[in-house]
Every structure is written in structure tokens, then in C-alpha cells.
């Protein structure tokens, strides 16, 4: 199997999933339909690139489409107004910079960046999302990045994509498209779920939001560093989100499940009871969460001059 980053036949198969089982979990848990095309896929395979460490799912048709994300938009937590990666990115952007956000969601980052005095635009291929953000008086372009590059009068100082890369079936194509609209020396800022954290708290990869049709690839710091020889970029920084307060309950429950499997039923029940788990949640909520790696990485790359 060819890696979507290297293009080389350098990947190993990790496991195979049932699309019908995944679709039923989505329906039972959220009431969402993933669509008949997804259910019709014979099998979903999970691969890992031996050279970069990137893990991803095939076939391409396993990636969710516009209908799935239209359903997810109705969840009040799906597009958060204030996110750690927004604040981390804004601290690294100089005043007056021209910034393009790829995948604008509800426009929350554009709003925050505009209030900081940045010149902001967005790219969004979901027509309904683009219309909503455009109604907030932001420029939102509904076109392919490579097409945008051919008619762009002035490249951007920074391009940001928050929680986008893991959703697309062609991540290298997206990366190359973002670099095409960036000036030499400009910054590419990418936030992705931290796969290293997910491997610890969900080693069986059972989190349905971290697999197709939602996430179709998994990224960590090592994969980010592997981009340097593949693309004309220099890795400037990798910022790690500390565990967010609103993720404390999820983290404790997930990690407790992992420990119960390791320790066995008897020891698991004795050591991981409601009192010890409540104490763990309290300790994390009172400040310990700053010491625990959280959900997201923010990777900052610079386009070579």
C-alpha cells in the first residue's frame, strides 16, 4: 500500500474494520446516518507508513461527506468558539499579518484573528458553512487551493488549518495546496488530534470520532517532523495542548477502561472504583490537567525561501 505522504509502497496493514458496524454505532450513539455508500464499502483497512509513522484508513470513500458534517454541525460542542489552538496560533502571528484559514467552520477563529488586527480570509468548500461565515462579513472563498494559487495577487503571510488535516483522504495534496498560497518564509499552522495521546487512552482505536467516516488519518509529533524532507518546509515548533478541563471526565473514564483491561476484573474493580476515579477527576480539575498531555497538537511549519 502506498503512503499518502511519501507515495511509496512503504506501509503495513494494522487491522480491518467493518463499515456496517461503524455505521450502526453512529446511528445508535448519535442518531446520525453515515449514508448507504459508506455501508456499501466491503471493508475499511487501517495502515501505517513505516517511514513517516502516519496511520490512515482506506479506501478514500470511507471519508465522510458534506451530509455527515451537516449533521455534526447541529451538535453545540462541535464548533467551539474558543479553542486552545486558536489562542496558541494567535500568539505566534504578528500584527497586521494576512492570514488564510482553511476550513472556517463557524468562523470563530476568523473573528478572533480579526479582533487582533489581522487581515483574514477563509477557504470553505461546504456551501452552507461558507454562507454563514460570509454573513458575518468575512471573505470566504469556495474554491480549490491550487486554483486559488493561480489567481492570487499576493500570497498570504500565514495559512491555518485547525482540525482539518485528519479528515481529508489526500493530506499531501492539501498540504501542497496550502503551501501554494503562502509566501516564502510564511507560516503554515496545523492543529491535529495528538495520536500519541489517543494511543494511550484508546489503544484499540474504538473511539468512533477517531475513525472513518470522521477521522481518516492519525498524526503525532514524529509524523510532523517527517514532513521536512518531503515538502519545502522547516519545522519551527510543535505546541502540545495540556489536558483541557472539559476533557477531564473523558480522559479519566477512557484511561480507567484501559487499566481495567490490563489489570483484570478483580484488581480493576478494587483499584478503580468510584472513589478513586472521583479523586482523579478532582486532582486534574484542580490543576493537575496542566501536567497531562491533551487532545491537540499545533504544528508550525515555515515555507523555505
Foldseek 3Di string as FASTA:
>chain_A
DADLQPRDPAKDWDDKAQLLVLQVCCCVPPVDGQDPVSNPDRIKIWMAGPQQRKIFIDDQVQAGDPRRVVSVLVPPPPDDLDDPLLVVVLVVDDAAFEEEEEACQQPSSVVVNVVSRYRYAYEDQNVVSQVNNVVVVHHYHNDFLVVCLVPPPAAGQEYEYEQPLQRHPNNNSVVVSNVSRHDAQHKYKYKHWAVVLCCQLPVVPPPSCCDTNHGGMHDHPSSLCSCVVRAQKDWDDKDFDQADLVCLVVSLVSNLVVVCVVPDPPVSCVCPDPVNSVVSNVVCNVPVSRVHTYTMMMTMIGHHD
